[in-house]
Amino acid sequence: MTTSTNDEDLILAYYLQNPMEFHMVSDRLHEGVFLTEPWKRVWPVMLKAWQGSKCFPTPSELPSLIK
């Protein structure tokens, strides 16, 4: 099953706005779960940030990750 970019955008937007909800599914959203750019590249960085401090990059920090 492939995930459309729009679906991935919605998933990530939800967790960026509700980071504590991510805690319940964090074991399922591993490094390779997102298949489209830029999330395929950015998600592992965001996941490591979460694992290190239980927070995601702020919306203002995201553009630097996407580059």
N, C-alpha and C. Protein backbone atom coordinates (compact mmCIF):
# COMPACT_ATOMS: atom_id res chain seq x y z
N MET A 1 0.84 -1.18 0.00
CA MET A 1 0.00 0.00 0.00
C MET A 1 0.89 1.24 0.00
N THR A 2 0.63 2.15 -0.89
CA THR A 2 1.39 3.39 -0.92
C THR A 2 0.57 4.50 -0.28
N THR A 3 1.27 5.46 0.23
CA THR A 3 0.63 6.59 0.90
C THR A 3 0.83 7.82 0.02
N SER A 4 -0.24 8.55 -0.22
CA SER A 4 -0.09 9.76 -1.03
C SER A 4 0.58 10.85 -0.22
N THR A 5 1.17 11.79 -0.93
CA THR A 5 1.82 12.92 -0.27
C THR A 5 0.84 13.65 0.63
N ASN A 6 -0.39 13.82 0.16
CA ASN A 6 -1.38 14.53 0.95
C ASN A 6 -1.64 13.80 2.27
N ASP A 7 -1.75 12.48 2.23
CA ASP A 7 -1.96 11.71 3.46
C ASP A 7 -0.79 11.90 4.42
N GLU A 8 0.41 11.84 3.90
CA GLU A 8 1.59 12.02 4.74
C GLU A 8 1.63 13.43 5.32
N ASP A 9 1.27 14.42 4.52
CA ASP A 9 1.22 15.80 5.02
C ASP A 9 0.24 15.91 6.18
N LEU A 10 -0.92 15.30 6.03
CA LEU A 10 -1.94 15.37 7.08
C LEU A 10 -1.48 14.67 8.35
N ILE A 11 -0.87 13.51 8.21
CA ILE A 11 -0.38 12.77 9.38
C ILE A 11 0.66 13.60 10.12
N LEU A 12 1.62 14.13 9.39
CA LEU A 12 2.67 14.92 10.04
C LEU A 12 2.13 16.20 10.64
N ALA A 13 1.22 16.87 9.95
CA ALA A 13 0.63 18.10 10.49
C ALA A 13 -0.08 17.81 11.81
N TYR A 14 -0.81 16.71 11.87
CA TYR A 14 -1.52 16.36 13.10
C TYR A 14 -0.53 16.15 14.26
N TYR A 15 0.53 15.39 14.02
CA TYR A 15 1.46 15.13 15.10
C TYR A 15 2.29 16.34 15.48
N LEU A 16 2.58 17.21 14.53
CA LEU A 16 3.28 18.45 14.90
C LEU A 16 2.41 19.34 15.77
N GLN A 17 1.10 19.30 15.53
CA GLN A 17 0.19 20.12 16.33
C GLN A 17 -0.21 19.43 17.64
N ASN A 18 -0.08 18.11 17.70
CA ASN A 18 -0.48 17.33 18.88
C ASN A 18 0.62 16.34 19.24
N PRO A 19 1.78 16.84 19.65
CA PRO A 19 2.92 15.94 19.85
C PRO A 19 2.69 14.87 20.90
N MET A 20 1.90 15.13 21.91
CA MET A 20 1.70 14.11 22.93
C MET A 20 0.88 12.93 22.39
N GLU A 21 0.07 13.16 21.39
CA GLU A 21 -0.66 12.07 20.75
C GLU A 21 0.31 11.14 20.01
N PHE A 22 1.41 11.69 19.56
CA PHE A 22 2.39 10.88 18.85
C PHE A 22 2.95 9.78 19.75
N HIS A 23 3.04 10.05 21.04
CA HIS A 23 3.62 9.09 21.97
C HIS A 23 2.92 7.73 21.89
N MET A 24 1.61 7.72 21.63
CA MET A 24 0.85 6.48 21.58
C MET A 24 1.17 5.63 20.35
N VAL A 25 1.67 6.24 19.28
CA VAL A 25 1.94 5.49 18.05
C VAL A 25 3.41 5.55 17.63
N SER A 26 4.25 6.11 18.48
CA SER A 26 5.64 6.33 18.07
C SER A 26 6.36 5.04 17.70
N ASP A 27 5.98 3.93 18.29
CA ASP A 27 6.63 2.67 17.95
C ASP A 27 6.24 2.19 16.56
N ARG A 28 5.15 2.71 16.00
CA ARG A 28 4.71 2.30 14.68
C ARG A 28 5.23 3.20 13.56
N LEU A 29 5.58 4.43 13.89
CA LEU A 29 6.06 5.37 12.87
C LEU A 29 7.59 5.40 12.87
N HIS A 30 8.18 4.31 12.43
CA HIS A 30 9.63 4.16 12.40
C HIS A 30 10.24 4.99 11.27
N GLU A 31 11.53 4.90 11.12
CA GLU A 31 12.24 5.76 10.15
C GLU A 31 11.77 5.60 8.72
N GLY A 32 11.37 4.41 8.30
CA GLY A 32 11.04 4.19 6.89
C GLY A 32 9.57 4.24 6.57
N VAL A 33 8.75 4.78 7.47
CA VAL A 33 7.30 4.71 7.27
C VAL A 33 6.80 5.69 6.20
N PHE A 34 7.45 6.82 6.01
CA PHE A 34 7.03 7.79 5.01
C PHE A 34 7.78 7.54 3.70
N LEU A 35 7.05 7.60 2.59
CA LEU A 35 7.59 7.17 1.30
C LEU A 35 7.84 8.29 0.31
N THR A 36 7.31 9.48 0.57
CA THR A 36 7.44 10.57 -0.39
C THR A 36 8.32 11.69 0.16
N GLU A 37 8.92 12.41 -0.76
CA GLU A 37 9.73 13.58 -0.39
C GLU A 37 8.81 14.75 -0.06
N PRO A 38 9.17 15.60 0.87
CA PRO A 38 10.42 15.61 1.62
C PRO A 38 10.37 14.74 2.87
N TRP A 39 9.21 14.19 3.20
CA TRP A 39 9.06 13.50 4.50
C TRP A 39 9.90 12.24 4.60
N LYS A 40 10.15 11.57 3.50
CA LYS A 40 11.00 10.39 3.50
C LYS A 40 12.38 10.74 4.05
N ARG A 41 12.84 11.93 3.74
CA ARG A 41 14.15 12.40 4.15
C ARG A 41 14.11 13.10 5.52
N VAL A 42 13.04 13.82 5.77
CA VAL A 42 12.95 14.65 6.98
C VAL A 42 12.47 13.86 8.20
N TRP A 43 11.58 12.89 7.97
CA TRP A 43 11.01 12.19 9.12
C TRP A 43 12.04 11.53 10.02
N PRO A 44 13.09 10.85 9.52
CA PRO A 44 14.08 10.27 10.43
C PRO A 44 14.71 11.31 11.36
N VAL A 45 14.95 12.52 10.86
CA VAL A 45 15.51 13.59 11.69
C VAL A 45 14.51 14.00 12.77
N MET A 46 13.24 14.13 12.37
CA MET A 46 12.21 14.51 13.34
C MET A 46 12.02 13.42 14.38
N LEU A 47 12.07 12.17 13.96
CA LEU A 47 11.90 11.06 14.89
C LEU A 47 13.03 11.02 15.90
N LYS A 48 14.27 11.26 15.46
CA LYS A 48 15.39 11.30 16.39
C LYS A 48 15.24 12.45 17.38
N ALA A 49 14.74 13.60 16.91
CA ALA A 49 14.51 14.73 17.82
C ALA A 49 13.49 14.34 18.88
N TRP A 50 12.44 13.64 18.46
CA TRP A 50 11.42 13.20 19.41
C TRP A 50 12.01 12.23 20.43
N GLN A 51 12.78 11.27 19.96
CA GLN A 51 13.35 10.26 20.84
C GLN A 51 14.31 10.89 21.83
N GLY A 52 14.98 11.96 21.41
CA GLY A 52 15.94 12.61 22.30
C GLY A 52 15.32 13.52 23.33
N SER A 53 14.22 14.20 22.99
CA SER A 53 13.69 15.20 23.91
C SER A 53 12.18 15.22 24.02
N LYS A 54 11.49 14.28 23.35
CA LYS A 54 10.02 14.21 23.36
C LYS A 54 9.39 15.49 22.82
N CYS A 55 10.05 16.09 21.82
CA CYS A 55 9.46 17.22 21.12
C CYS A 55 9.90 17.19 19.67
N PHE A 56 9.12 17.81 18.82
CA PHE A 56 9.44 17.90 17.41
C PHE A 56 10.02 19.27 17.12
N PRO A 57 10.70 19.41 15.98
CA PRO A 57 11.13 20.75 15.58
C PRO A 57 9.92 21.67 15.45
N THR A 58 10.14 22.93 15.69
CA THR A 58 9.06 23.91 15.55
C THR A 58 8.78 24.14 14.06
N PRO A 59 7.60 24.64 13.72
CA PRO A 59 7.31 24.93 12.32
C PRO A 59 8.36 25.84 11.66
N SER A 60 8.95 26.75 12.42
CA SER A 60 9.97 27.62 11.84
C SER A 60 11.28 26.87 11.58
N GLU A 61 11.51 25.76 12.26
CA GLU A 61 12.72 24.96 12.04
C GLU A 61 12.58 23.97 10.88
N LEU A 62 11.34 23.64 10.52
CA LEU A 62 11.11 22.64 9.48
C LEU A 62 11.73 22.99 8.13
N PRO A 63 11.65 24.24 7.65
CA PRO A 63 12.26 24.54 6.34
C PRO A 63 13.74 24.19 6.26
N SER A 64 14.47 24.36 7.36
CA SER A 64 15.89 24.02 7.32
C SER A 64 16.09 22.51 7.23
N LEU A 65 15.17 21.72 7.76
CA LEU A 65 15.25 20.27 7.65
C LEU A 65 14.91 19.80 6.25
N ILE A 66 13.99 20.50 5.60
CA ILE A 66 13.53 20.09 4.28
C ILE A 66 14.57 20.36 3.20
N LYS A 67 15.43 21.34 3.42
CA LYS A 67 16.46 21.69 2.42
C LYS A 67 17.40 20.53 2.16
